[in-house]
Amino acid sequence: MSTTSYDCSSDDQRAEGLAHAQRALAHKQVVVMPTDTVYGIAADAFSPQAVATLLAAKGRGRSMPPPVLIPRIQTMDGLAAEVSEDARKLASAFWPGGLTLIFHAQPTLTWDLGDTMGTVALRMPQDQLALDLLTITGPLAVSSANRTGHPAARTAAEALAQLAESVEVYLENGWRPAEDAEALSSTIVDTTGEVPRVVRTGAVSLEQLRAVVPSVLGPDEAVAEADYDGSRAAAAEAEPTVLQEHQVDELSAFAAADGDFSAAFSAGAGTAAGDDAANVPAEPAAARPQPETGERSLPIQPSPDPEPGRTT
């Protein structure tokens, strides 16, 4: 597979790179893109083969499923089931931005992100290039653009050094993030129970969350069994062990929304090492959600960053 890099600080290369990335993703290939945290490796979220290719490029198994980035808040209802009013308030207040919300996945969708226990983690990134790509492709499964156990890539060139020809398109748009990575990592909130609970602290503080939804629980607060599914609480409590074993390098440098959710999705689940994309069945086209009107046909409008290397 040939690999092409585009300097998206140039209007011409930006438009060409987005168009090439769209074609690559449609053909179940993976691409590297910037986000408001660091660089991510992206695949069509609805293609099990593409997601398997993403996991294989990173050198990991199904126990570390990627989250899904979306281009607009309205997309949430096509992917998530039983969206609570509290979750809607949090999304409205903090998207686009550094908040990831865990939902029950829509049961009618035919997709395979890994061992997710029937959940999906969604985020709308605050990066114009990322949003432009998501607008023309639809939701993307995105993980940090690095081999597992290695530092997260801050530029497309750093990603290329690790992922090489496993990626078809590299979209370069300056250093990510411009500031301290740990401070910019996203906050993860599990909304699958009766009471929203913080699984990981990050860019959005507990105080900010409670200003919008006062009932949000912190990661160390006890939860009554009647109010919260005990299996989800156990998953959250198991997170530090899983992070130490599998994820500490990536999560220290990469926003959790763009990185790994194995603890939140499936604490204690078995690992399927070395996914083989060729053995993953292709998804039925009819099972894909209908794109929002005009979403996949919008022309690409170049909007270069006002200051290269800064987050938007």
C-alpha atoms as a PDB file:
ATOM      1  CA  MET A   1       0.000   0.000   0.000  1.00  0.00           C
ATOM      2  CA  SER A   2       1.350   3.419  -0.934  1.00  0.00           C
ATOM      3  CA  THR A   3       1.507   6.157   1.687  1.00  0.00           C
ATOM      4  CA  THR A   4       0.907   9.859   1.057  1.00  0.00           C
ATOM      5  CA  SER A   5       1.383  12.793   3.426  1.00  0.00           C
ATOM      6  CA  TYR A   6      -0.326  16.166   3.020  1.00  0.00           C
ATOM      7  CA  ASP A   7       0.667  19.508   4.543  1.00  0.00           C
ATOM      8  CA  CYS A   8      -2.770  20.780   5.528  1.00  0.00           C
ATOM      9  CA  SER A   9      -1.454  24.241   6.378  1.00  0.00           C
ATOM     10  CA  SER A  10      -1.610  24.724   2.590  1.00  0.00           C
ATOM     11  CA  ASP A  11      -5.154  25.260   1.289  1.00  0.00           C
ATOM     12  CA  ASP A  12      -4.529  23.191  -1.829  1.00  0.00           C
ATOM     13  CA  GLN A  13      -2.954  20.260   0.008  1.00  0.00           C
ATOM     14  CA  ARG A  14      -5.619  20.466   2.702  1.00  0.00           C
ATOM     15  CA  ALA A  15      -8.439  19.981   0.214  1.00  0.00           C
ATOM     16  CA  GLU A  16      -6.526  17.254  -1.647  1.00  0.00           C
ATOM     17  CA  GLY A  17      -5.622  15.485   1.579  1.00  0.00           C
ATOM     18  CA  LEU A  18      -9.202  15.471   2.870  1.00  0.00           C
ATOM     19  CA  ALA A  19     -10.463  14.075  -0.432  1.00  0.00           C
ATOM     20  CA  HIS A  20      -7.795  11.326  -0.419  1.00  0.00           C
ATOM     21  CA  ALA A  21      -8.567  10.486   3.215  1.00  0.00           C
ATOM     22  CA  GLN A  22     -12.256  10.195   2.388  1.00  0.00           C
ATOM     23  CA  ARG A  23     -11.510   7.729  -0.434  1.00  0.00           C
ATOM     24  CA  ALA A  24      -9.134   5.703   1.724  1.00  0.00           C
ATOM     25  CA  LEU A  25     -11.657   5.386   4.551  1.00  0.00           C
ATOM     26  CA  ALA A  26     -14.375   4.355   2.101  1.00  0.00           C
ATOM     27  CA  HIS A  27     -12.072   1.521   0.970  1.00  0.00           C
ATOM     28  CA  LYS A  28     -11.573   0.320   4.574  1.00  0.00           C
ATOM     29  CA  GLN A  29      -8.071   1.783   4.891  1.00  0.00           C
ATOM     30  CA  VAL A  30      -6.866   3.835   7.856  1.00  0.00           C
ATOM     31  CA  VAL A  31      -5.647   7.423   7.965  1.00  0.00           C
ATOM     32  CA  VAL A  32      -3.781   9.621  10.433  1.00  0.00           C
ATOM     33  CA  MET A  33      -5.462  12.884  11.409  1.00  0.00           C
ATOM     34  CA  PRO A  34      -4.918  15.622  13.990  1.00  0.00           C
ATOM     35  CA  THR A  35      -7.353  16.181  16.837  1.00  0.00           C
ATOM     36  CA  ASP A  36      -7.516  18.779  19.587  1.00  0.00           C
ATOM     37  CA  THR A  37      -5.234  16.543  21.653  1.00  0.00           C
ATOM     38  CA  VAL A  38      -2.639  14.646  19.618  1.00  0.00           C
ATOM     39  CA  TYR A  39      -2.692  12.741  16.323  1.00  0.00           C
ATOM     40  CA  GLY A  40      -5.048   9.813  15.887  1.00  0.00           C
ATOM     41  CA  ILE A  41      -5.329   6.834  13.571  1.00  0.00           C
ATOM     42  CA  ALA A  42      -8.856   6.673  12.156  1.00  0.00           C
ATOM     43  CA  ALA A  43     -11.034   4.005  10.540  1.00  0.00           C
ATOM     44  CA  ASP A  44     -14.634   3.737   9.365  1.00  0.00           C
ATOM     45  CA  ALA A  45     -16.483   2.974  12.606  1.00  0.00           C
ATOM     46  CA  PHE A  46     -19.023   0.809  10.766  1.00  0.00           C
ATOM     47  CA  SER A  47     -16.511  -1.479   9.083  1.00  0.00           C
ATOM     48  CA  PRO A  48     -15.265  -4.378  11.252  1.00  0.00           C
ATOM     49  CA  GLN A  49     -12.495  -4.933   8.694  1.00  0.00           C
ATOM     50  CA  ALA A  50     -11.335  -1.313   8.938  1.00  0.00           C
ATOM     51  CA  VAL A  51     -11.409  -1.363  12.753  1.00  0.00           C
ATOM     52  CA  ALA A  52      -9.414  -4.621  12.733  1.00  0.00           C
ATOM     53  CA  THR A  53      -6.876  -2.916  10.446  1.00  0.00           C
ATOM     54  CA  LEU A  54      -6.605  -0.040  12.939  1.00  0.00           C
ATOM     55  CA  LEU A  55      -6.001  -2.415  15.838  1.00  0.00           C
ATOM     56  CA  ALA A  56      -3.459  -4.415  13.836  1.00  0.00           C
ATOM     57  CA  ALA A  57      -1.574  -1.240  12.843  1.00  0.00           C
ATOM     58  CA  LYS A  58      -1.256  -0.379  16.534  1.00  0.00           C
ATOM     59  CA  GLY A  59      -0.348  -3.931  17.519  1.00  0.00           C
ATOM     60  CA  ARG A  60      -3.230  -4.570  19.877  1.00  0.00           C
ATOM     61  CA  GLY A  61      -6.239  -6.818  20.365  1.00  0.00           C
ATOM     62  CA  ARG A  62      -9.960  -6.434  20.831  1.00  0.00           C
ATOM     63  CA  SER A  63      -9.797  -5.750  24.567  1.00  0.00           C
ATOM     64  CA  MET A  64      -8.787  -2.144  23.770  1.00  0.00           C
ATOM     65  CA  PRO A  65     -11.646  -0.849  21.604  1.00  0.00           C
ATOM     66  CA  PRO A  66     -11.339   2.641  20.130  1.00  0.00           C
ATOM     67  CA  PRO A  67     -13.808   5.434  20.871  1.00  0.00           C
ATOM     68  CA  VAL A  68     -15.824   7.075  18.108  1.00  0.00           C
ATOM     69  CA  LEU A  69     -15.497  10.716  17.060  1.00  0.00           C
ATOM     70  CA  ILE A  70     -18.556  12.411  15.589  1.00  0.00           C
ATOM     71  CA  PRO A  71     -18.993  15.650  13.598  1.00  0.00           C
ATOM     72  CA  ARG A  72     -22.082  17.029  15.368  1.00  0.00           C
ATOM     73  CA  ILE A  73     -24.154  16.497  18.493  1.00  0.00           C
ATOM     74  CA  GLN A  74     -27.147  15.218  16.522  1.00  0.00           C
ATOM     75  CA  THR A  75     -25.131  12.168  15.421  1.00  0.00           C
ATOM     76  CA  MET A  76     -25.215  10.946  19.022  1.00  0.00           C
ATOM     77  CA  ASP A  77     -28.793   9.674  18.707  1.00  0.00           C
ATOM     78  CA  GLY A  78     -27.940   7.538  15.684  1.00  0.00           C
ATOM     79  CA  LEU A  79     -25.209   5.686  17.597  1.00  0.00           C
ATOM     80  CA  ALA A  80     -26.327   5.693  21.239  1.00  0.00           C
ATOM     81  CA  ALA A  81     -29.413   4.193  22.865  1.00  0.00           C
ATOM     82  CA  GLU A  82     -31.215   5.330  26.003  1.00  0.00           C
ATOM     83  CA  VAL A  83     -29.603   8.778  25.964  1.00  0.00           C
ATOM     84  CA  SER A  84     -30.534  10.419  29.247  1.00  0.00           C
ATOM     85  CA  GLU A  85     -31.457  14.041  29.687  1.00  0.00           C
ATOM     86  CA  ASP A  86     -28.346  14.495  31.836  1.00  0.00           C
ATOM     87  CA  ALA A  87     -26.167  13.168  29.004  1.00  0.00           C
ATOM     88  CA  ARG A  88     -27.801  15.596  26.570  1.00  0.00           C
ATOM     89  CA  LYS A  89     -27.103  18.491  28.912  1.00  0.00           C
ATOM     90  CA  LEU A  90     -23.439  17.504  29.220  1.00  0.00           C
ATOM     91  CA  ALA A  91     -23.015  17.102  25.458  1.00  0.00           C
ATOM     92  CA  SER A  92     -24.664  20.472  24.795  1.00  0.00           C
ATOM     93  CA  ALA A  93     -22.447  22.195  27.347  1.00  0.00           C
ATOM     94  CA  PHE A  94     -19.054  20.644  26.509  1.00  0.00           C
ATOM     95  CA  TRP A  95     -19.118  19.538  22.845  1.00  0.00           C
ATOM     96  CA  PRO A  96     -17.057  20.168  20.865  1.00  0.00           C
ATOM     97  CA  GLY A  97     -14.348  19.743  23.442  1.00  0.00           C
ATOM     98  CA  GLY A  98     -12.669  17.573  26.025  1.00  0.00           C
ATOM     99  CA  LEU A  99     -15.547  15.419  27.240  1.00  0.00           C
ATOM    100  CA  THR A 100     -16.184  11.796  26.285  1.00  0.00           C
ATOM    101  CA  LEU A 101     -19.528  10.209  27.089  1.00  0.00           C
ATOM    102  CA  ILE A 102     -20.082   6.457  27.362  1.00  0.00           C
ATOM    103  CA  PHE A 103     -23.501   5.219  26.224  1.00  0.00           C
ATOM    104  CA  HIS A 104     -25.298   1.989  25.494  1.00  0.00           C
ATOM    105  CA  ALA A 105     -24.753   1.416  21.774  1.00  0.00           C
ATOM    106  CA  GLN A 106     -27.710   1.254  19.423  1.00  0.00           C
ATOM    107  CA  PRO A 107     -28.502  -2.469  19.189  1.00  0.00           C
ATOM    108  CA  THR A 108     -29.621  -2.171  15.563  1.00  0.00           C
ATOM    109  CA  LEU A 109     -26.172  -1.130  14.348  1.00  0.00           C
ATOM    110  CA  THR A 110     -23.980  -3.792  12.764  1.00  0.00           C
ATOM    111  CA  TRP A 111     -20.498  -2.802  13.836  1.00  0.00           C
ATOM    112  CA  ASP A 112     -17.644  -4.299  15.813  1.00  0.00           C
ATOM    113  CA  LEU A 113     -15.340  -1.988  17.734  1.00  0.00           C
ATOM    114  CA  GLY A 114     -13.989  -4.735  19.965  1.00  0.00           C
ATOM    115  CA  ASP A 115     -14.956  -5.959  23.434  1.00  0.00           C
ATOM    116  CA  THR A 116     -17.189  -3.026  24.375  1.00  0.00           C
ATOM    117  CA  MET A 117     -19.811  -4.789  26.554  1.00  0.00           C
ATOM    118  CA  GLY A 118     -22.479  -3.189  24.381  1.00  0.00           C
ATOM    119  CA  THR A 119     -21.318   0.370  24.982  1.00  0.00           C
ATOM    120  CA  VAL A 120     -19.824   3.091  22.837  1.00  0.00           C
ATOM    121  CA  ALA A 121     -17.707   6.109  23.815  1.00  0.00           C
ATOM    122  CA  LEU A 122     -18.489   9.252  21.821  1.00  0.00           C
ATOM    123  CA  ARG A 123     -16.823  12.651  21.545  1.00  0.00           C
ATOM    124  CA  MET A 124     -17.026  15.661  19.263  1.00  0.00           C
ATOM    125  CA  PRO A 125     -13.468  17.050  18.909  1.00  0.00           C
ATOM    126  CA  GLN A 126     -12.649  20.739  18.925  1.00  0.00           C
ATOM    127  CA  ASP A 127     -10.398  20.724  15.867  1.00  0.00           C
ATOM    128  CA  GLN A 128     -11.533  22.148  12.524  1.00  0.00           C
ATOM    129  CA  LEU A 129      -9.580  19.750  10.306  1.00  0.00           C
ATOM    130  CA  ALA A 130     -10.890  16.773  12.275  1.00  0.00           C
ATOM    131  CA  LEU A 131     -14.456  18.085  12.040  1.00  0.00           C
ATOM    132  CA  ASP A 132     -14.128  18.689   8.297  1.00  0.00           C
ATOM    133  CA  LEU A 133     -13.007  15.097   7.784  1.00  0.00           C
ATOM    134  CA  LEU A 134     -15.767  13.727  10.019  1.00  0.00           C
ATOM    135  CA  THR A 135     -18.355  15.764   8.119  1.00  0.00           C
ATOM    136  CA  ILE A 136     -17.521  14.121   4.807  1.00  0.00           C
ATOM    137  CA  THR A 137     -16.952  10.607   6.173  1.00  0.00           C
ATOM    138  CA  GLY A 138     -19.327  10.193   9.085  1.00  0.00           C
ATOM    139  CA  PRO A 139     -18.312   8.788  12.501  1.00  0.00           C
ATOM    140  CA  LEU A 140     -14.775   7.433  12.783  1.00  0.00           C
ATOM    141  CA  ALA A 141     -13.186   5.021  15.221  1.00  0.00           C
ATOM    142  CA  VAL A 142     -10.060   6.851  16.374  1.00  0.00           C
ATOM    143  CA  SER A 143      -7.159   5.762  18.563  1.00  0.00           C
ATOM    144  CA  SER A 144      -3.804   7.377  19.240  1.00  0.00           C
ATOM    145  CA  ALA A 145      -1.471   7.326  16.217  1.00  0.00           C
ATOM    146  CA  ASN A 146       1.305   5.176  17.644  1.00  0.00           C
ATOM    147  CA  ARG A 147       2.285   1.587  18.232  1.00  0.00           C
ATOM    148  CA  THR A 148       1.000   0.302  21.559  1.00  0.00           C
ATOM    149  CA  GLY A 149       3.483   1.033  24.328  1.00  0.00           C
ATOM    150  CA  HIS A 150       5.180   3.872  22.430  1.00  0.00           C
ATOM    151  CA  PRO A 151       4.693   7.631  22.869  1.00  0.00           C
ATOM    152  CA  ALA A 152       1.666   9.194  21.192  1.00  0.00           C
ATOM    153  CA  ALA A 153       2.474  11.107  18.012  1.00  0.00           C
ATOM    154  CA  ARG A 154       2.400  14.906  18.244  1.00  0.00           C
ATOM    155  CA  THR A 155       2.819  15.350  14.472  1.00  0.00           C
ATOM    156  CA  ALA A 156       1.923  13.288  11.428  1.00  0.00           C
ATOM    157  CA  ALA A 157       5.649  12.797  10.834  1.00  0.00           C
ATOM    158  CA  GLU A 158       5.998  11.169  14.266  1.00  0.00           C
ATOM    159  CA  ALA A 159       3.057   8.921  13.444  1.00  0.00           C
ATOM    160  CA  LEU A 160       4.642   7.963  10.117  1.00  0.00           C
ATOM    161  CA  ALA A 161       7.834   6.919  11.900  1.00  0.00           C
ATOM    162  CA  GLN A 162       5.839   4.386  13.954  1.00  0.00           C
ATOM    163  CA  LEU A 163       3.009   3.282  11.657  1.00  0.00           C
ATOM    164  CA  ALA A 164       4.748   3.561   8.274  1.00  0.00           C
ATOM    165  CA  GLU A 165       2.871   2.000   5.353  1.00  0.00           C
ATOM    166  CA  SER A 166       0.079   0.524   7.482  1.00  0.00           C
ATOM    167  CA  VAL A 167      -1.589   3.932   6.977  1.00  0.00           C
ATOM    168  CA  GLU A 168      -2.542   5.194   3.531  1.00  0.00           C
ATOM    169  CA  VAL A 169      -2.973   8.926   4.239  1.00  0.00           C
ATOM    170  CA  TYR A 170      -1.251  11.219   6.744  1.00  0.00           C
ATOM    171  CA  LEU A 171      -2.796  14.645   7.340  1.00  0.00           C
ATOM    172  CA  GLU A 172      -0.165  16.975   8.816  1.00  0.00           C
ATOM    173  CA  ASN A 173      -1.423  20.150  10.472  1.00  0.00           C
ATOM    174  CA  GLY A 174       1.129  21.197  13.040  1.00  0.00           C
ATOM    175  CA  TRP A 175       2.060  20.151  16.553  1.00  0.00           C
ATOM    176  CA  ARG A 176      -0.663  18.617  18.724  1.00  0.00           C
ATOM    177  CA  PRO A 177      -1.300  19.620  21.404  1.00  0.00           C
ATOM    178  CA  ALA A 178       0.329  23.008  21.718  1.00  0.00           C
ATOM    179  CA  GLU A 179       0.093  22.840  25.503  1.00  0.00           C
ATOM    180  CA  ASP A 180       0.547  20.197  28.191  1.00  0.00           C
ATOM    181  CA  ALA A 181      -1.014  16.911  27.011  1.00  0.00           C
ATOM    182  CA  GLU A 182      -2.117  15.735  30.435  1.00  0.00           C
ATOM    183  CA  ALA A 183      -4.015  18.946  31.080  1.00  0.00           C
ATOM    184  CA  LEU A 184      -5.831  18.556  27.767  1.00  0.00           C
ATOM    185  CA  SER A 185      -6.839  14.911  28.115  1.00  0.00           C
ATOM    186  CA  SER A 186     -10.585  14.470  27.969  1.00  0.00           C
ATOM    187  CA  THR A 187     -12.803  13.691  30.908  1.00  0.00           C
ATOM    188  CA  ILE A 188     -14.754  10.428  30.527  1.00  0.00           C
ATOM    189  CA  VAL A 189     -18.260  10.203  31.967  1.00  0.00           C
ATOM    190  CA  ASP A 190     -20.241   6.965  31.993  1.00  0.00           C
ATOM    191  CA  THR A 191     -23.910   7.757  31.363  1.00  0.00           C
ATOM    192  CA  THR A 192     -25.162   4.163  31.111  1.00  0.00           C
ATOM    193  CA  GLY A 193     -26.514   4.136  34.682  1.00  0.00           C
ATOM    194  CA  GLU A 194     -29.159   6.168  36.435  1.00  0.00           C
ATOM    195  CA  VAL A 195     -26.500   8.577  37.709  1.00  0.00           C
ATOM    196  CA  PRO A 196     -23.665   9.897  35.473  1.00  0.00           C
ATOM    197  CA  ARG A 197     -20.267   8.989  36.867  1.00  0.00           C
ATOM    198  CA  VAL A 198     -16.780  10.230  36.034  1.00  0.00           C
ATOM    199  CA  VAL A 199     -14.583   7.337  34.901  1.00  0.00           C
ATOM    200  CA  ARG A 200     -11.531   9.476  34.185  1.00  0.00           C
ATOM    201  CA  THR A 201     -10.809  13.087  35.128  1.00  0.00           C
ATOM    202  CA  GLY A 202      -9.362  15.431  32.520  1.00  0.00           C
ATOM    203  CA  ALA A 203      -9.984  18.693  30.717  1.00  0.00           C
ATOM    204  CA  VAL A 204     -13.477  19.201  32.139  1.00  0.00           C
ATOM    205  CA  SER A 205     -13.457  19.327  35.932  1.00  0.00           C
ATOM    206  CA  LEU A 206     -16.000  17.700  38.215  1.00  0.00           C
ATOM    207  CA  GLU A 207     -17.055  21.145  39.344  1.00  0.00           C
ATOM    208  CA  GLN A 208     -17.765  22.182  35.746  1.00  0.00           C
ATOM    209  CA  LEU A 209     -19.780  19.018  35.169  1.00  0.00           C
ATOM    210  CA  ARG A 210     -21.815  19.573  38.336  1.00  0.00           C
ATOM    211  CA  ALA A 211     -22.562  23.145  37.310  1.00  0.00           C
ATOM    212  CA  VAL A 212     -24.535  21.585  34.441  1.00  0.00           C
ATOM    213  CA  VAL A 213     -25.686  18.313  36.050  1.00  0.00           C
ATOM    214  CA  PRO A 214     -25.431  18.489  39.871  1.00  0.00           C
ATOM    215  CA  SER A 215     -25.893  14.725  40.310  1.00  0.00           C
ATOM    216  CA  VAL A 216     -22.647  13.755  38.509  1.00  0.00           C
ATOM    217  CA  LEU A 217     -20.547  11.482  40.724  1.00  0.00           C
ATOM    218  CA  GLY A 218     -16.789  11.605  41.020  1.00  0.00           C
ATOM    219  CA  PRO A 219     -14.653   8.533  40.246  1.00  0.00           C
ATOM    220  CA  ASP A 220     -14.075   7.706  43.920  1.00  0.00           C
ATOM    221  CA  GLU A 221     -17.588   8.291  45.210  1.00  0.00           C
ATOM    222  CA  ALA A 222     -19.656   5.317  46.327  1.00  0.00           C
ATOM    223  CA  VAL A 223     -22.687   4.497  44.237  1.00  0.00           C
ATOM    224  CA  ALA A 224     -25.801   2.777  45.548  1.00  0.00           C
ATOM    225  CA  GLU A 225     -26.520  -0.435  43.664  1.00  0.00           C
ATOM    226  CA  ALA A 226     -30.051   0.780  43.010  1.00  0.00           C
ATOM    227  CA  ASP A 227     -28.728   3.823  41.211  1.00  0.00           C
ATOM    228  CA  TYR A 228     -25.873   2.325  39.233  1.00  0.00           C
ATOM    229  CA  ASP A 229     -25.141  -0.962  37.526  1.00  0.00           C
ATOM    230  CA  GLY A 230     -22.633  -2.766  39.726  1.00  0.00           C
ATOM    231  CA  SER A 231     -20.759  -4.174  36.741  1.00  0.00           C
ATOM    232  CA  ARG A 232     -20.109  -0.665  35.448  1.00  0.00           C
ATOM    233  CA  ALA A 233     -18.894   0.452  38.867  1.00  0.00           C
ATOM    234  CA  ALA A 234     -16.569  -2.540  38.987  1.00  0.00           C
ATOM    235  CA  ALA A 235     -15.210  -1.606  35.584  1.00  0.00           C
ATOM    236  CA  ALA A 236     -14.448   1.900  36.763  1.00  0.00           C
ATOM    237  CA  GLU A 237     -12.805   0.626  39.941  1.00  0.00           C
ATOM    238  CA  ALA A 238     -10.641  -1.760  37.913  1.00  0.00           C
ATOM    239  CA  GLU A 239      -9.400   1.037  35.642  1.00  0.00           C
ATOM    240  CA  PRO A 240      -6.134   1.888  37.468  1.00  0.00           C
ATOM    241  CA  THR A 241      -4.901  -1.720  37.242  1.00  0.00           C
ATOM    242  CA  VAL A 242      -5.737  -1.945  33.544  1.00  0.00           C
ATOM    243  CA  LEU A 243      -4.150   1.421  32.850  1.00  0.00           C
ATOM    244  CA  GLN A 244      -0.937   0.456  34.599  1.00  0.00           C
ATOM    245  CA  GLU A 245      -0.694  -2.775  32.660  1.00  0.00           C
ATOM    246  CA  HIS A 246      -1.689  -1.646  29.170  1.00  0.00           C
ATOM    247  CA  GLN A 247      -2.240   2.072  28.784  1.00  0.00           C
ATOM    248  CA  VAL A 248      -0.114   4.291  30.992  1.00  0.00           C
ATOM    249  CA  ASP A 249       2.152   5.565  28.203  1.00  0.00           C
ATOM    250  CA  GLU A 250      -0.649   6.476  25.830  1.00  0.00           C
ATOM    251  CA  LEU A 251      -3.101   7.960  28.296  1.00  0.00           C
ATOM    252  CA  SER A 252      -0.434  10.164  29.831  1.00  0.00           C
ATOM    253  CA  ALA A 253       0.088  11.822  26.454  1.00  0.00           C
ATOM    254  CA  PHE A 254      -3.186  11.290  24.616  1.00  0.00           C
ATOM    255  CA  ALA A 255      -6.685  12.453  25.454  1.00  0.00           C
ATOM    256  CA  ALA A 256      -8.738   9.525  26.626  1.00  0.00           C
ATOM    257  CA  ALA A 257     -11.417  10.330  24.085  1.00  0.00           C
ATOM    258  CA  ASP A 258      -8.951   9.638  21.352  1.00  0.00           C
ATOM    259  CA  GLY A 259      -7.108   6.873  23.107  1.00  0.00           C
ATOM    260  CA  ASP A 260      -7.999   3.655  24.884  1.00  0.00           C
ATOM    261  CA  PHE A 261     -11.165   2.678  26.745  1.00  0.00           C
ATOM    262  CA  SER A 262     -10.483  -0.931  27.665  1.00  0.00           C
ATOM    263  CA  ALA A 263     -11.135  -0.291  31.356  1.00  0.00           C
ATOM    264  CA  ALA A 264     -14.375   1.609  30.840  1.00  0.00           C
ATOM    265  CA  PHE A 265     -15.607  -0.802  28.181  1.00  0.00           C
ATOM    266  CA  SER A 266     -14.517  -4.203  29.445  1.00  0.00           C
ATOM    267  CA  ALA A 267     -12.507  -4.460  32.624  1.00  0.00           C
ATOM    268  CA  GLY A 268     -11.314  -8.009  33.016  1.00  0.00           C
ATOM    269  CA  ALA A 269     -12.251  -9.054  29.482  1.00  0.00           C
ATOM    270  CA  GLY A 270      -9.977 -11.469  27.680  1.00  0.00           C
ATOM    271  CA  THR A 271      -7.502 -10.240  25.092  1.00  0.00           C
ATOM    272  CA  ALA A 272      -7.666 -11.355  21.493  1.00  0.00           C
ATOM    273  CA  ALA A 273      -4.149 -10.714  20.320  1.00  0.00           C
ATOM    274  CA  GLY A 274      -3.352 -10.070  16.697  1.00  0.00           C
ATOM    275  CA  ASP A 275      -6.722  -9.444  15.028  1.00  0.00           C
ATOM    276  CA  ASP A 276      -6.787 -10.682  11.438  1.00  0.00           C
ATOM    277  CA  ALA A 277      -8.677  -8.209   9.266  1.00  0.00           C
ATOM    278  CA  ALA A 278      -9.161 -10.836   6.579  1.00  0.00           C
ATOM    279  CA  ASN A 279     -11.217 -12.967   8.954  1.00  0.00           C
ATOM    280  CA  VAL A 280     -13.638 -10.198   9.916  1.00  0.00           C
ATOM    281  CA  PRO A 281     -16.930 -10.368   7.995  1.00  0.00           C
ATOM    282  CA  ALA A 282     -17.876  -7.333   5.948  1.00  0.00           C
ATOM    283  CA  GLU A 283     -20.747  -5.316   7.375  1.00  0.00           C
ATOM    284  CA  PRO A 284     -24.104  -5.205   5.539  1.00  0.00           C
ATOM    285  CA  ALA A 285     -24.473  -1.862   3.825  1.00  0.00           C
ATOM    286  CA  ALA A 286     -28.126  -1.683   4.846  1.00  0.00           C
ATOM    287  CA  ALA A 287     -27.183  -1.751   8.530  1.00  0.00           C
ATOM    288  CA  ARG A 288     -25.362   1.563   8.366  1.00  0.00           C
ATOM    289  CA  PRO A 289     -27.287   4.556   9.744  1.00  0.00           C
ATOM    290  CA  GLN A 290     -28.591   6.980   7.160  1.00  0.00           C
ATOM    291  CA  PRO A 291     -26.278   9.994   6.841  1.00  0.00           C
ATOM    292  CA  GLU A 292     -27.704  13.313   7.866  1.00  0.00           C
ATOM    293  CA  THR A 293     -28.964  15.405   5.021  1.00  0.00           C
ATOM    294  CA  GLY A 294     -26.056  16.786   3.058  1.00  0.00           C
ATOM    295  CA  GLU A 295     -23.476  15.544   5.534  1.00  0.00           C
ATOM    296  CA  ARG A 296     -21.464  13.392   3.112  1.00  0.00           C
ATOM    297  CA  SER A 297     -21.871  15.692   0.139  1.00  0.00           C
ATOM    298  CA  LEU A 298     -20.711  18.964   1.616  1.00  0.00           C
ATOM    299  CA  PRO A 299     -17.841  20.580  -0.289  1.00  0.00           C
ATOM    300  CA  ILE A 300     -14.598  20.855   1.589  1.00  0.00           C
ATOM    301  CA  GLN A 301     -14.096  24.395   2.807  1.00  0.00           C
ATOM    302  CA  PRO A 302     -10.456  25.082   3.660  1.00  0.00           C
ATOM    303  CA  SER A 303     -10.095  26.746   7.035  1.00  0.00           C
ATOM    304  CA  PRO A 304      -6.429  26.743   8.027  1.00  0.00           C
ATOM    305  CA  ASP A 305      -5.515  27.236  11.647  1.00  0.00           C
ATOM    306  CA  PRO A 306      -4.918  30.911  12.481  1.00  0.00           C
ATOM    307  CA  GLU A 307      -1.740  29.904  14.256  1.00  0.00           C
ATOM    308  CA  PRO A 308      -0.040  26.685  13.082  1.00  0.00           C
ATOM    309  CA  GLY A 309       0.356  24.106  15.808  1.00  0.00           C
ATOM    310  CA  ARG A 310      -2.320  25.585  18.107  1.00  0.00           C
ATOM    311  CA  THR A 311      -5.474  23.722  18.987  1.00  0.00           C
ATOM    312  CA  THR A 312      -8.759  25.190  17.872  1.00  0.00           C
END
